Protein backbone atom coordinates (compact mmCIF):
# COMPACT_ATOMS: atom_id res chain seq x y z
CA UNK A 1 -15.48 3.13 -28.13
CA UNK A 2 -18.86 4.21 -26.80
CA UNK A 3 -17.32 4.51 -23.32
CA UNK A 4 -14.60 6.83 -24.65
CA UNK A 5 -17.22 9.04 -26.29
CA UNK A 6 -19.18 9.22 -23.04
CA UNK A 7 -15.99 9.85 -21.05
CA UNK A 8 -15.15 12.88 -23.20
CA UNK A 9 -18.67 14.25 -22.87
CA UNK A 10 -18.42 17.64 -21.07
CA UNK A 11 -21.29 16.71 -18.75
CA UNK A 12 -19.55 13.47 -17.75
CA UNK A 13 -16.24 15.28 -17.28
CA UNK A 14 -17.86 17.78 -14.95
CA UNK A 15 -19.76 15.11 -13.01
CA UNK A 16 -16.71 12.88 -12.65
CA UNK A 17 -14.61 15.79 -11.41
CA UNK A 18 -17.28 16.95 -8.98
CA UNK A 19 -17.69 13.42 -7.59
CA UNK A 20 -13.94 13.18 -6.98
CA UNK A 21 -13.91 16.49 -5.11
CA UNK A 22 -16.94 15.43 -3.04
CA UNK A 23 -15.26 12.09 -2.26
CA UNK A 24 -12.11 13.92 -1.13
CA UNK A 25 -14.14 16.08 1.24
CA UNK A 26 -15.96 13.00 2.54
CA UNK A 27 -12.59 11.43 3.39
CA UNK A 28 -11.60 14.58 5.30
CA UNK A 29 -14.82 14.47 7.34
CA UNK A 30 -14.22 10.79 8.06
CA UNK A 31 -10.57 11.19 9.08
CA UNK A 32 -11.29 14.18 11.33
CA UNK A 33 -14.13 12.40 13.14
CA UNK A 34 -13.63 11.97 16.88
CA UNK A 35 -13.62 8.16 16.56
CA UNK A 36 -10.73 8.03 14.09
CA UNK A 37 -8.91 10.87 15.90
CA UNK A 38 -8.86 8.73 19.05
CA UNK A 39 -7.89 5.62 17.09
CA UNK A 40 -4.86 7.27 15.48
CA UNK A 41 -3.48 8.06 18.95
CA UNK A 42 -3.58 4.35 19.80
CA UNK A 43 -2.56 2.76 16.50
CA UNK A 44 0.72 3.81 14.85
CA UNK A 45 0.13 1.71 11.72
CA UNK A 46 -3.21 3.40 11.09
CA UNK A 47 -1.74 6.86 11.75
CA UNK A 48 1.48 6.61 9.79
CA UNK A 49 0.26 4.44 6.90
CA UNK A 50 -3.50 4.16 6.38
CA UNK A 51 -4.33 7.74 7.38
CA UNK A 52 -1.44 9.27 5.46
CA UNK A 53 -2.24 7.26 2.32
CA UNK A 54 -5.84 8.48 2.56
CA UNK A 55 -4.67 12.10 2.91
CA UNK A 56 -2.46 11.64 -0.17
CA UNK A 57 -5.52 10.23 -1.95
CA UNK A 58 -7.52 13.30 -0.92
CA UNK A 59 -4.98 15.61 -2.58
CA UNK A 60 -4.90 13.36 -5.64
CA UNK A 61 -8.72 13.40 -5.86
CA UNK A 62 -8.85 17.19 -5.48
CA UNK A 63 -6.27 17.70 -8.26
CA UNK A 64 -7.82 15.11 -10.57
CA UNK A 65 -11.35 16.36 -9.92
CA UNK A 66 -10.41 19.98 -10.52
CA UNK A 67 -8.63 18.95 -13.73
CA UNK A 68 -11.78 17.24 -15.04
CA UNK A 69 -14.08 20.11 -14.04
CA UNK A 70 -11.90 22.73 -15.73
CA UNK A 71 -11.51 20.59 -18.87
CA UNK A 72 -15.30 20.51 -19.16
CA UNK A 73 -15.27 24.32 -19.44
CA UNK A 74 -13.92 24.20 -23.00
CA UNK A 75 -17.35 23.01 -24.14
CA UNK A 76 -19.10 25.92 -22.38
CA UNK A 77 -19.77 29.37 -23.78
CA UNK A 78 -19.44 31.20 -20.45
CA UNK A 79 -16.71 33.89 -20.59
CA UNK A 80 -15.87 33.30 -16.91
CA UNK A 81 -15.32 29.56 -17.44
CA UNK A 82 -13.29 30.18 -20.61
CA UNK A 83 -11.08 32.57 -18.64
CA UNK A 84 -10.47 29.91 -15.98
CA UNK A 85 -9.64 27.43 -18.74
CA UNK A 86 -7.18 29.93 -20.24
CA UNK A 87 -5.35 30.35 -16.91
CA UNK A 88 -5.30 26.58 -16.42
CA UNK A 89 -3.86 26.09 -19.92
CA UNK A 90 -1.04 28.48 -19.00
CA UNK A 91 -0.36 26.44 -15.87
CA UNK A 92 -0.20 23.24 -17.95
CA UNK A 93 2.28 24.87 -20.35
CA UNK A 94 4.38 26.00 -17.37
CA UNK A 95 4.21 22.49 -15.87
CA UNK A 96 5.30 20.86 -19.14
CA UNK A 97 8.21 23.25 -19.52
CA UNK A 98 9.61 23.34 -15.98
CA UNK A 99 8.48 19.96 -14.65
CA UNK A 100 9.81 17.44 -17.22
CA UNK A 101 8.71 13.87 -16.43
CA UNK A 102 7.14 15.23 -13.23
CA UNK A 103 10.58 15.41 -11.57
CA UNK A 104 10.01 18.66 -9.63
CA UNK A 105 6.56 17.76 -8.28
CA UNK A 106 7.81 14.22 -7.63
CA UNK A 107 10.64 15.61 -5.48
CA UNK A 108 8.23 17.92 -3.65
CA UNK A 109 6.00 14.92 -2.95
CA UNK A 110 8.93 12.93 -1.56
CA UNK A 111 10.27 15.82 0.54
CA UNK A 112 6.86 16.44 2.11
CA UNK A 113 6.26 12.76 2.79
CA UNK A 114 9.67 11.99 4.25
CA UNK A 115 9.76 15.16 6.34
CA UNK A 116 6.70 14.13 8.34
CA UNK A 117 7.98 10.58 8.84
CA UNK A 118 11.20 11.75 10.49
CA UNK A 119 10.67 10.61 14.12
CA UNK A 120 11.18 14.04 15.75
CA UNK A 121 8.84 15.78 13.29
CA UNK A 122 6.20 13.07 13.55
CA UNK A 123 6.32 13.05 17.36
CA UNK A 124 5.87 16.82 17.42
CA UNK A 125 2.87 16.56 15.10
CA UNK A 126 1.27 13.95 17.39
CA UNK A 127 1.38 16.14 20.50
CA UNK A 128 1.01 19.62 18.96
CA UNK A 129 -2.32 20.47 17.30
CA UNK A 130 -0.93 23.15 14.95
CA UNK A 131 1.84 20.81 13.75
CA UNK A 132 -0.72 18.04 13.34
CA UNK A 133 -2.93 20.19 11.10
CA UNK A 134 0.12 21.38 9.14
CA UNK A 135 1.25 17.78 8.63
CA UNK A 136 -2.11 16.70 7.21
CA UNK A 137 -2.39 19.78 5.02
CA UNK A 138 1.14 19.15 3.68
CA UNK A 139 0.33 15.53 2.91
CA UNK A 140 -2.84 16.58 1.04
CA UNK A 141 -0.69 19.00 -0.94
CA UNK A 142 1.79 16.21 -1.65
CA UNK A 143 -1.08 14.21 -3.18
CA UNK A 144 -1.66 17.12 -5.58
CA UNK A 145 2.04 17.09 -6.44
CA UNK A 146 1.79 13.34 -7.09
CA UNK A 147 -1.07 13.90 -9.54
CA UNK A 148 0.98 16.53 -11.40
CA UNK A 149 3.84 14.05 -11.67
CA UNK A 150 1.65 11.18 -12.84
CA UNK A 151 0.26 13.39 -15.64
CA UNK A 152 3.78 13.64 -17.03
CA UNK A 153 4.72 9.94 -17.06
CA UNK A 154 3.32 6.63 -18.28
CA UNK A 155 1.28 4.21 -16.22
CA UNK A 156 4.20 1.77 -15.92
CA UNK A 157 6.49 4.58 -14.75
CA UNK A 158 3.88 5.60 -12.17
CA UNK A 159 3.71 2.04 -10.84
CA UNK A 160 7.51 1.80 -10.65
CA UNK A 161 7.51 5.08 -8.68
CA UNK A 162 4.97 3.58 -6.24
CA UNK A 163 7.13 0.45 -5.92
CA UNK A 164 10.18 2.53 -4.97
CA UNK A 165 8.21 4.38 -2.27
CA UNK A 166 6.84 1.04 -1.12
CA UNK A 167 10.37 -0.23 -0.50
CA UNK A 168 11.08 2.72 1.80
CA UNK A 169 7.95 1.86 3.76
CA UNK A 170 9.19 -1.71 4.04
CA UNK A 171 12.59 -0.58 5.40
CA UNK A 172 10.85 1.52 8.05
CA UNK A 173 8.62 -1.47 8.84
CA UNK A 174 11.66 -3.71 9.42
CA UNK A 175 13.20 -1.14 11.78
CA UNK A 176 9.97 -0.86 13.75
CA UNK A 177 9.32 -4.61 13.84
CA UNK A 178 12.85 -5.39 15.08
CA UNK A 179 12.10 -3.66 18.38
CA UNK A 180 15.77 -2.71 18.90
CA UNK A 181 14.87 0.86 19.84
CA UNK A 182 11.85 3.09 20.27
CA UNK A 183 11.88 5.14 17.06
CA UNK A 184 8.67 7.11 17.65
CA UNK A 185 8.58 8.26 21.26
CA UNK A 186 4.82 8.95 21.25
CA UNK A 187 3.95 5.25 20.81
CA UNK A 188 4.94 2.27 23.03
CA UNK A 189 7.57 -0.12 21.72
CA UNK A 190 5.07 -2.99 21.49
CA UNK A 191 2.77 -0.85 19.29
CA UNK A 192 5.70 0.05 17.05
CA UNK A 193 6.68 -3.60 16.61
CA UNK A 194 3.12 -4.59 15.65
CA UNK A 195 2.90 -1.63 13.27
CA UNK A 196 6.20 -2.59 11.65
CA UNK A 197 4.93 -6.11 11.06
CA UNK A 198 1.78 -4.82 9.32
CA UNK A 199 3.84 -2.38 7.25
CA UNK A 200 5.90 -5.29 5.91
CA UNK A 201 2.71 -7.20 5.06
CA UNK A 202 1.32 -4.10 3.35
CA UNK A 203 4.55 -3.65 1.38
CA UNK A 204 4.35 -7.20 0.03
CA UNK A 205 0.68 -6.68 -0.93
CA UNK A 206 1.39 -3.42 -2.76
CA UNK A 207 4.38 -5.04 -4.50
CA UNK A 208 2.21 -7.86 -5.85
CA UNK A 209 -0.53 -5.49 -7.04
CA UNK A 210 1.94 -3.14 -8.78
CA UNK A 211 3.83 -6.00 -10.46
CA UNK A 212 0.58 -7.53 -11.73
CA UNK A 213 -0.57 -4.14 -13.06
CA UNK A 214 2.80 -3.56 -14.77
CA UNK A 215 2.60 -6.97 -16.45
CA UNK A 216 -1.01 -6.37 -17.47
CA UNK A 217 -0.17 -2.95 -18.91
CA UNK A 218 2.87 -4.30 -20.73
CA UNK A 219 1.10 -7.24 -22.35
CA UNK A 220 -2.06 -5.33 -23.26
CA UNK A 221 -0.02 -2.54 -24.89
CA UNK A 222 2.28 -4.91 -26.83
CA UNK A 223 1.32 -5.03 -30.54
CA UNK A 224 0.07 -8.43 -31.61
């Protein structure tokens, strides 16, 4: 109970939100470092999975952090902050009305994510700097869409959504690991096969974590 009181404290809300935004920016600096930029050219699994998940996390952190910072404004007497809060409240009303169960933002998330994993689009983004920047910016934006969707559904529904995306990753992993054809032309076939193997391993790991969290949530929320 004491934790909940501290969590709703305006100072804690602001600090938590600011820390999330700072963490998101730290991830951007890390991912755009010359070391990781060179590594992504050599390692398809890192580029298509680890890096993209981190960029999604950046968008999620930005949206969540901004949400917390703006919510802290309702405890402040500043007219400027109250005006921001008023605009944000209108956005939330709009989101609740036109984005039931987070369906619209969920679809935008999926469209953005799948678009950049289409082989021709991904290959173009690897060799063209402007497309590469656009891809990463789009994936950050998709993380913001994901946060908007998760605000509209329960924790179990969120985990089920992650599981469904996870299965798609596994299917792609099986195609890459089979080595029947070179799907992404910018990476050697041997690299694709290794990446596919690690994607399958990652899928199984995410499945186990999500299933355990679903069971935990279900049993802790069941009335005794």
